[in-house]
Amino acid sequence: MFYTSSDILHLVLAVCAAALTLFICWAIYYFIVSAQTIYRLVKRVEDGVARAEEIMDIVREKLKNSSAYFMILGEIAKKAMEFVQEKKNKRNIRQKK
């Protein structure tokens, strides 16, 4: 089977090449699994950012539309306060007489 030292050397080199091949295959497999996990994570983050942008757009639209109502309500409240003040002043003037 092993007649010379070169036969042993060739056997050892073959075993080392097989071990190196297995190690490289194992490393490539884990690299690919890690890359897939990172891809899924990035995809989730992108989806989350897209949803957050959609929510921000909806909120911005709602605030823009409701700001006109707030201005109208503010004017109504201002007029109501002026009306109440006038009534109060008239009542105070009547009571003093």
C-alpha atoms as a PDB file:
ATOM      1  CA  MET A   1       0.000   0.000   0.000  1.00  0.00           C
ATOM      2  CA  PHE A   2       2.524   2.656   1.083  1.00  0.00           C
ATOM      3  CA  TYR A   3       5.811   1.856  -0.560  1.00  0.00           C
ATOM      4  CA  THR A   4       7.568   5.189  -0.295  1.00  0.00           C
ATOM      5  CA  SER A   5       7.402   8.340   1.766  1.00  0.00           C
ATOM      6  CA  SER A   6       5.982  10.178  -1.243  1.00  0.00           C
ATOM      7  CA  ASP A   7       2.913   7.888  -1.078  1.00  0.00           C
ATOM      8  CA  ILE A   8       2.347   8.973   2.522  1.00  0.00           C
ATOM      9  CA  LEU A   9       2.877  12.609   1.503  1.00  0.00           C
ATOM     10  CA  HIS A  10       0.296  12.290  -1.284  1.00  0.00           C
ATOM     11  CA  LEU A  11      -2.172  10.648   1.118  1.00  0.00           C
ATOM     12  CA  VAL A  12      -1.670  13.424   3.690  1.00  0.00           C
ATOM     13  CA  LEU A  13      -2.027  16.094   0.992  1.00  0.00           C
ATOM     14  CA  ALA A  14      -5.255  14.459  -0.228  1.00  0.00           C
ATOM     15  CA  VAL A  15      -6.688  14.346   3.295  1.00  0.00           C
ATOM     16  CA  CYS A  16      -5.680  17.985   3.872  1.00  0.00           C
ATOM     17  CA  ALA A  17      -7.245  19.026   0.549  1.00  0.00           C
ATOM     18  CA  ALA A  18     -10.467  17.205   1.477  1.00  0.00           C
ATOM     19  CA  ALA A  19     -10.505  18.823   4.937  1.00  0.00           C
ATOM     20  CA  LEU A  20      -9.848  22.252   3.426  1.00  0.00           C
ATOM     21  CA  THR A  21     -12.624  21.692   0.893  1.00  0.00           C
ATOM     22  CA  LEU A  22     -15.067  20.733   3.644  1.00  0.00           C
ATOM     23  CA  PHE A  23     -14.071  23.774   5.724  1.00  0.00           C
ATOM     24  CA  ILE A  24     -14.495  26.124   2.742  1.00  0.00           C
ATOM     25  CA  CYS A  25     -17.911  24.615   1.926  1.00  0.00           C
ATOM     26  CA  TRP A  26     -18.961  24.984   5.569  1.00  0.00           C
ATOM     27  CA  ALA A  27     -17.748  28.623   5.633  1.00  0.00           C
ATOM     28  CA  ILE A  28     -19.537  29.447   2.366  1.00  0.00           C
ATOM     29  CA  TYR A  29     -22.748  27.876   3.710  1.00  0.00           C
ATOM     30  CA  TYR A  30     -22.678  29.997   6.882  1.00  0.00           C
ATOM     31  CA  PHE A  31     -21.791  33.094   4.882  1.00  0.00           C
ATOM     32  CA  ILE A  32     -24.825  32.554   2.647  1.00  0.00           C
ATOM     33  CA  VAL A  33     -27.105  31.929   5.649  1.00  0.00           C
ATOM     34  CA  SER A  34     -25.807  35.119   7.285  1.00  0.00           C
ATOM     35  CA  ALA A  35     -26.312  37.078   4.075  1.00  0.00           C
ATOM     36  CA  GLN A  36     -29.915  35.826   3.829  1.00  0.00           C
ATOM     37  CA  THR A  37     -30.576  36.808   7.441  1.00  0.00           C
ATOM     38  CA  ILE A  38     -29.145  40.271   6.842  1.00  0.00           C
ATOM     39  CA  TYR A  39     -31.238  40.602   3.676  1.00  0.00           C
ATOM     40  CA  ARG A  40     -34.418  39.672   5.580  1.00  0.00           C
ATOM     41  CA  LEU A  41     -33.549  42.138   8.333  1.00  0.00           C
ATOM     42  CA  VAL A  42     -32.914  44.937   5.838  1.00  0.00           C
ATOM     43  CA  LYS A  43     -36.186  44.104   4.077  1.00  0.00           C
ATOM     44  CA  ARG A  44     -38.088  44.345   7.385  1.00  0.00           C
ATOM     45  CA  VAL A  45     -36.450  47.662   8.176  1.00  0.00           C
ATOM     46  CA  GLU A  46     -37.317  48.996   4.730  1.00  0.00           C
ATOM     47  CA  ASP A  47     -40.937  47.882   5.180  1.00  0.00           C
ATOM     48  CA  GLY A  48     -41.049  49.533   8.600  1.00  0.00           C
ATOM     49  CA  VAL A  49     -39.632  52.771   7.220  1.00  0.00           C
ATOM     50  CA  ALA A  50     -42.139  52.701   4.360  1.00  0.00           C
ATOM     51  CA  ARG A  51     -45.004  52.216   6.835  1.00  0.00           C
ATOM     52  CA  ALA A  52     -43.687  55.027   9.008  1.00  0.00           C
ATOM     53  CA  GLU A  53     -43.513  57.311   5.965  1.00  0.00           C
ATOM     54  CA  GLU A  54     -47.095  56.398   5.054  1.00  0.00           C
ATOM     55  CA  ILE A  55     -48.251  57.159   8.586  1.00  0.00           C
ATOM     56  CA  MET A  56     -46.380  60.465   8.571  1.00  0.00           C
ATOM     57  CA  ASP A  57     -48.008  61.389   5.251  1.00  0.00           C
ATOM     58  CA  ILE A  58     -51.452  60.521   6.597  1.00  0.00           C
ATOM     59  CA  VAL A  59     -50.853  62.524   9.774  1.00  0.00           C
ATOM     60  CA  ARG A  60     -49.518  65.443   7.750  1.00  0.00           C
ATOM     61  CA  GLU A  61     -52.634  65.384   5.534  1.00  0.00           C
ATOM     62  CA  LYS A  62     -54.940  65.168   8.530  1.00  0.00           C
ATOM     63  CA  LEU A  63     -53.202  68.073  10.234  1.00  0.00           C
ATOM     64  CA  LYS A  64     -53.243  70.114   7.061  1.00  0.00           C
ATOM     65  CA  ASN A  65     -56.964  69.498   6.586  1.00  0.00           C
ATOM     66  CA  SER A  66     -57.798  69.999  10.250  1.00  0.00           C
ATOM     67  CA  SER A  67     -55.728  73.183  10.521  1.00  0.00           C
ATOM     68  CA  ALA A  68     -58.399  74.996   8.540  1.00  0.00           C
ATOM     69  CA  TYR A  69     -61.004  73.739  11.012  1.00  0.00           C
ATOM     70  CA  PHE A  70     -58.844  74.846  13.924  1.00  0.00           C
ATOM     71  CA  MET A  71     -58.601  78.321  12.447  1.00  0.00           C
ATOM     72  CA  ILE A  72     -62.392  78.485  12.059  1.00  0.00           C
ATOM     73  CA  LEU A  73     -62.908  77.139  15.574  1.00  0.00           C
ATOM     74  CA  GLY A  74     -60.394  79.664  16.885  1.00  0.00           C
ATOM     75  CA  GLU A  75     -62.280  82.517  15.266  1.00  0.00           C
ATOM     76  CA  ILE A  76     -65.583  81.219  16.641  1.00  0.00           C
ATOM     77  CA  ALA A  77     -64.092  80.933  20.121  1.00  0.00           C
ATOM     78  CA  LYS A  78     -62.667  84.450  19.825  1.00  0.00           C
ATOM     79  CA  LYS A  79     -66.048  85.855  18.800  1.00  0.00           C
ATOM     80  CA  ALA A  80     -67.770  83.910  21.593  1.00  0.00           C
ATOM     81  CA  MET A  81     -65.327  85.323  24.161  1.00  0.00           C
ATOM     82  CA  GLU A  82     -65.923  88.844  22.843  1.00  0.00           C
ATOM     83  CA  PHE A  83     -69.693  88.268  23.037  1.00  0.00           C
ATOM     84  CA  VAL A  84     -69.433  87.002  26.626  1.00  0.00           C
ATOM     85  CA  GLN A  85     -67.246  89.970  27.581  1.00  0.00           C
ATOM     86  CA  GLU A  86     -69.756  92.414  26.083  1.00  0.00           C
ATOM     87  CA  LYS A  87     -72.632  90.756  27.955  1.00  0.00           C
ATOM     88  CA  LYS A  88     -70.632  90.821  31.177  1.00  0.00           C
ATOM     89  CA  ASN A  89     -69.753  94.481  30.713  1.00  0.00           C
ATOM     90  CA  LYS A  90     -73.391  95.359  29.989  1.00  0.00           C
ATOM     91  CA  ARG A  91     -74.510  93.475  33.096  1.00  0.00           C
ATOM     92  CA  ASN A  92     -71.887  95.248  35.216  1.00  0.00           C
ATOM     93  CA  ILE A  93     -72.985  98.634  33.871  1.00  0.00           C
ATOM     94  CA  ARG A  94     -76.663  97.821  34.652  1.00  0.00           C
ATOM     95  CA  GLN A  95     -75.856  96.720  38.180  1.00  0.00           C
ATOM     96  CA  LYS A  96     -73.881  99.888  38.898  1.00  0.00           C
ATOM     97  CA  LYS A  97     -76.842 102.095  37.914  1.00  0.00           C
END
